[in-house]
C-alpha atoms as a PDB file:
ATOM      1  CA  UNK A   1     105.657 127.620 139.803  1.00  0.00           C
ATOM      2  CA  UNK A   2     105.672 130.466 137.322  1.00  0.00           C
ATOM      3  CA  UNK A   3     107.540 128.501 134.664  1.00  0.00           C
ATOM      4  CA  UNK A   4     104.883 125.768 134.635  1.00  0.00           C
ATOM      5  CA  UNK A   5     102.087 128.279 134.041  1.00  0.00           C
ATOM      6  CA  UNK A   6     104.074 129.935 131.216  1.00  0.00           C
ATOM      7  CA  UNK A   7     104.702 126.556 129.555  1.00  0.00           C
ATOM      8  CA  UNK A   8     101.025 125.590 130.041  1.00  0.00           C
ATOM      9  CA  UNK A   9      99.925 128.819 128.342  1.00  0.00           C
ATOM     10  CA  UNK A  10     102.358 128.241 125.477  1.00  0.00           C
ATOM     11  CA  UNK A  11     101.160 124.662 124.983  1.00  0.00           C
ATOM     12  CA  UNK A  12      97.535 125.828 125.101  1.00  0.00           C
ATOM     13  CA  UNK A  13      98.327 128.134 122.217  1.00  0.00           C
ATOM     14  CA  UNK A  14      99.716 125.301 120.053  1.00  0.00           C
ATOM     15  CA  UNK A  15      97.558 122.398 121.210  1.00  0.00           C
ATOM     16  CA  UNK A  16      94.407 124.415 121.876  1.00  0.00           C
ATOM     17  CA  UNK A  17      92.744 123.381 118.595  1.00  0.00           C
ATOM     18  CA  UNK A  18      93.040 119.700 119.504  1.00  0.00           C
ATOM     19  CA  UNK A  19      92.779 119.301 123.280  1.00  0.00           C
ATOM     20  CA  UNK A  20      90.658 120.858 125.993  1.00  0.00           C
ATOM     21  CA  UNK A  21      92.328 123.474 128.159  1.00  0.00           C
ATOM     22  CA  UNK A  22      95.220 121.927 129.923  1.00  0.00           C
ATOM     23  CA  UNK A  23      96.375 123.261 133.246  1.00  0.00           C
ATOM     24  CA  UNK A  24      99.641 123.153 135.102  1.00  0.00           C
ATOM     25  CA  UNK A  25      98.471 120.262 137.299  1.00  0.00           C
ATOM     26  CA  UNK A  26      98.619 118.054 134.174  1.00  0.00           C
ATOM     27  CA  UNK A  27     102.122 119.244 133.340  1.00  0.00           C
ATOM     28  CA  UNK A  28     105.412 117.700 134.452  1.00  0.00           C
ATOM     29  CA  UNK A  29     108.578 119.521 133.461  1.00  0.00           C
ATOM     30  CA  UNK A  30     112.106 118.244 133.234  1.00  0.00           C
ATOM     31  CA  UNK A  31     113.745 121.411 131.985  1.00  0.00           C
ATOM     32  CA  UNK A  32     117.376 120.344 131.777  1.00  0.00           C
ATOM     33  CA  UNK A  33     116.551 116.979 130.244  1.00  0.00           C
ATOM     34  CA  UNK A  34     114.174 118.605 127.769  1.00  0.00           C
ATOM     35  CA  UNK A  35     111.180 116.515 128.785  1.00  0.00           C
ATOM     36  CA  UNK A  36     107.665 117.900 129.050  1.00  0.00           C
ATOM     37  CA  UNK A  37     104.948 115.410 130.004  1.00  0.00           C
ATOM     38  CA  UNK A  38     101.213 116.032 129.884  1.00  0.00           C
ATOM     39  CA  UNK A  39      98.775 113.599 131.482  1.00  0.00           C
ATOM     40  CA  UNK A  40      95.055 112.947 130.903  1.00  0.00           C
ATOM     41  CA  UNK A  41      94.330 115.287 128.009  1.00  0.00           C
ATOM     42  CA  UNK A  42      90.754 115.461 126.699  1.00  0.00           C
ATOM     43  CA  UNK A  43      90.490 115.668 122.903  1.00  0.00           C
ATOM     44  CA  UNK A  44      88.066 118.213 121.466  1.00  0.00           C
ATOM     45  CA  UNK A  45      85.161 117.037 119.324  1.00  0.00           C
ATOM     46  CA  UNK A  46      86.262 119.209 116.396  1.00  0.00           C
ATOM     47  CA  UNK A  47      89.939 118.157 116.593  1.00  0.00           C
ATOM     48  CA  UNK A  48      89.900 116.326 113.239  1.00  0.00           C
ATOM     49  CA  UNK A  49      87.380 118.515 111.409  1.00  0.00           C
ATOM     50  CA  UNK A  50      90.000 120.139 109.147  1.00  0.00           C
ATOM     51  CA  UNK A  51      91.222 116.779 107.838  1.00  0.00           C
ATOM     52  CA  UNK A  52      88.044 115.907 105.875  1.00  0.00           C
ATOM     53  CA  UNK A  53      87.832 112.435 107.399  1.00  0.00           C
ATOM     54  CA  UNK A  54      84.497 110.580 107.055  1.00  0.00           C
ATOM     55  CA  UNK A  55      83.942 110.502 110.822  1.00  0.00           C
ATOM     56  CA  UNK A  56      83.673 112.852 113.767  1.00  0.00           C
ATOM     57  CA  UNK A  57      85.240 112.547 117.188  1.00  0.00           C
ATOM     58  CA  UNK A  58      82.575 112.082 119.831  1.00  0.00           C
ATOM     59  CA  UNK A  59      85.008 111.751 122.752  1.00  0.00           C
ATOM     60  CA  UNK A  60      88.720 111.244 123.142  1.00  0.00           C
ATOM     61  CA  UNK A  61      91.553 111.077 125.612  1.00  0.00           C
ATOM     62  CA  UNK A  62      95.333 110.932 125.585  1.00  0.00           C
ATOM     63  CA  UNK A  63      96.762 109.252 128.681  1.00  0.00           C
ATOM     64  CA  UNK A  64     100.217 110.761 128.268  1.00  0.00           C
ATOM     65  CA  UNK A  65     101.873 113.128 125.790  1.00  0.00           C
ATOM     66  CA  UNK A  66     105.633 113.442 126.158  1.00  0.00           C
ATOM     67  CA  UNK A  67     107.664 116.082 124.340  1.00  0.00           C
ATOM     68  CA  UNK A  68     111.447 115.703 124.096  1.00  0.00           C
ATOM     69  CA  UNK A  69     112.821 119.191 123.437  1.00  0.00           C
ATOM     70  CA  UNK A  70     116.511 119.552 122.460  1.00  0.00           C
ATOM     71  CA  UNK A  71     117.180 122.873 124.219  1.00  0.00           C
ATOM     72  CA  UNK A  72     120.835 123.006 123.180  1.00  0.00           C
ATOM     73  CA  UNK A  73     120.073 122.684 119.465  1.00  0.00           C
ATOM     74  CA  UNK A  74     116.492 123.824 118.790  1.00  0.00           C
ATOM     75  CA  UNK A  75     117.099 124.559 115.114  1.00  0.00           C
ATOM     76  CA  UNK A  76     119.244 121.530 114.356  1.00  0.00           C
ATOM     77  CA  UNK A  77     117.284 118.736 116.032  1.00  0.00           C
ATOM     78  CA  UNK A  78     113.645 117.746 115.983  1.00  0.00           C
ATOM     79  CA  UNK A  79     111.206 117.917 118.859  1.00  0.00           C
ATOM     80  CA  UNK A  80     109.944 114.376 119.446  1.00  0.00           C
ATOM     81  CA  UNK A  81     106.328 113.892 120.548  1.00  0.00           C
ATOM     82  CA  UNK A  82     105.246 110.532 121.962  1.00  0.00           C
ATOM     83  CA  UNK A  83     101.617 109.585 122.597  1.00  0.00           C
ATOM     84  CA  UNK A  84     100.699 106.866 125.068  1.00  0.00           C
ATOM     85  CA  UNK A  85      97.129 105.674 125.363  1.00  0.00           C
ATOM     86  CA  UNK A  86      95.186 107.406 122.592  1.00  0.00           C
ATOM     87  CA  UNK A  87      91.491 106.598 122.892  1.00  0.00           C
ATOM     88  CA  UNK A  88      88.891 107.907 120.427  1.00  0.00           C
ATOM     89  CA  UNK A  89      85.165 107.344 120.142  1.00  0.00           C
ATOM     90  CA  UNK A  90      84.214 108.219 116.568  1.00  0.00           C
ATOM     91  CA  UNK A  91      80.882 108.341 114.749  1.00  0.00           C
ATOM     92  CA  UNK A  92      80.188 108.501 111.007  1.00  0.00           C
ATOM     93  CA  UNK A  93      80.152 112.031 109.666  1.00  0.00           C
ATOM     94  CA  UNK A  94      77.066 112.591 107.520  1.00  0.00           C
ATOM     95  CA  UNK A  95      77.953 116.195 106.800  1.00  0.00           C
ATOM     96  CA  UNK A  96      80.969 115.357 104.638  1.00  0.00           C
ATOM     97  CA  UNK A  97      80.046 115.610 100.970  1.00  0.00           C
ATOM     98  CA  UNK A  98      81.763 113.951  98.069  1.00  0.00           C
ATOM     99  CA  UNK A  99      83.844 116.370  96.033  1.00  0.00           C
ATOM    100  CA  UNK A 100      84.435 114.939  92.556  1.00  0.00           C
ATOM    101  CA  UNK A 101      86.883 117.708  91.659  1.00  0.00           C
ATOM    102  CA  UNK A 102      89.020 117.021  94.729  1.00  0.00           C
ATOM    103  CA  UNK A 103      88.940 113.265  94.028  1.00  0.00           C
ATOM    104  CA  UNK A 104      90.030 113.797  90.404  1.00  0.00           C
ATOM    105  CA  UNK A 105      92.885 116.074  91.496  1.00  0.00           C
ATOM    106  CA  UNK A 106      94.016 113.467  94.019  1.00  0.00           C
ATOM    107  CA  UNK A 107      94.017 110.732  91.361  1.00  0.00           C
ATOM    108  CA  UNK A 108      95.975 112.957  88.968  1.00  0.00           C
ATOM    109  CA  UNK A 109      98.570 113.681  91.665  1.00  0.00           C
ATOM    110  CA  UNK A 110      98.999 109.952  92.313  1.00  0.00           C
ATOM    111  CA  UNK A 111      99.442 109.280  88.596  1.00  0.00           C
ATOM    112  CA  UNK A 112     101.990 112.119  88.275  1.00  0.00           C
ATOM    113  CA  UNK A 113     104.042 110.766  91.162  1.00  0.00           C
ATOM    114  CA  UNK A 114     104.027 107.282  89.650  1.00  0.00           C
ATOM    115  CA  UNK A 115     105.134 108.652  86.259  1.00  0.00           C
ATOM    116  CA  UNK A 116     107.932 110.639  87.908  1.00  0.00           C
ATOM    117  CA  UNK A 117     109.092 107.537  89.763  1.00  0.00           C
ATOM    118  CA  UNK A 118     109.157 105.502  86.539  1.00  0.00           C
ATOM    119  CA  UNK A 119     111.035 108.241  84.649  1.00  0.00           C
ATOM    120  CA  UNK A 120     113.670 108.449  87.416  1.00  0.00           C
ATOM    121  CA  UNK A 121     114.109 104.684  87.346  1.00  0.00           C
ATOM    122  CA  UNK A 122     114.541 104.744  83.552  1.00  0.00           C
ATOM    123  CA  UNK A 123     117.112 107.544  83.768  1.00  0.00           C
ATOM    124  CA  UNK A 124     119.114 105.671  86.398  1.00  0.00           C
ATOM    125  CA  UNK A 125     119.012 102.530  84.271  1.00  0.00           C
ATOM    126  CA  UNK A 126     120.167 104.482  81.190  1.00  0.00           C
ATOM    127  CA  UNK A 127     123.093 106.005  83.147  1.00  0.00           C
ATOM    128  CA  UNK A 128     124.422 102.550  84.036  1.00  0.00           C
END
């Protein structure tokens, strides 16, 4: 079906950084219900490389990815993605280096958020 190949190409564009090339045999469409189901997706080894996590993905698989698309209200409702059966084989990442500047900025952000929360609580208490 032409529609399945168009949807598969579109999903490859958005999911291509994370999963190996999916094809239309993995795709099940329920157009009017808004359901798109993908089965047996292979996760790429570099899928989590942008997140600066201290490990690397060696192998991975998603048994089923279901997308619930609200066709009647695309801008007003959220697209819901559900993963079933996420399996990852990870190994320690030796290439990730400690960045003291990034760590300090993260700690400062946490402190700022805590101070803002305390100030808001004090203002609410003063208003009562």
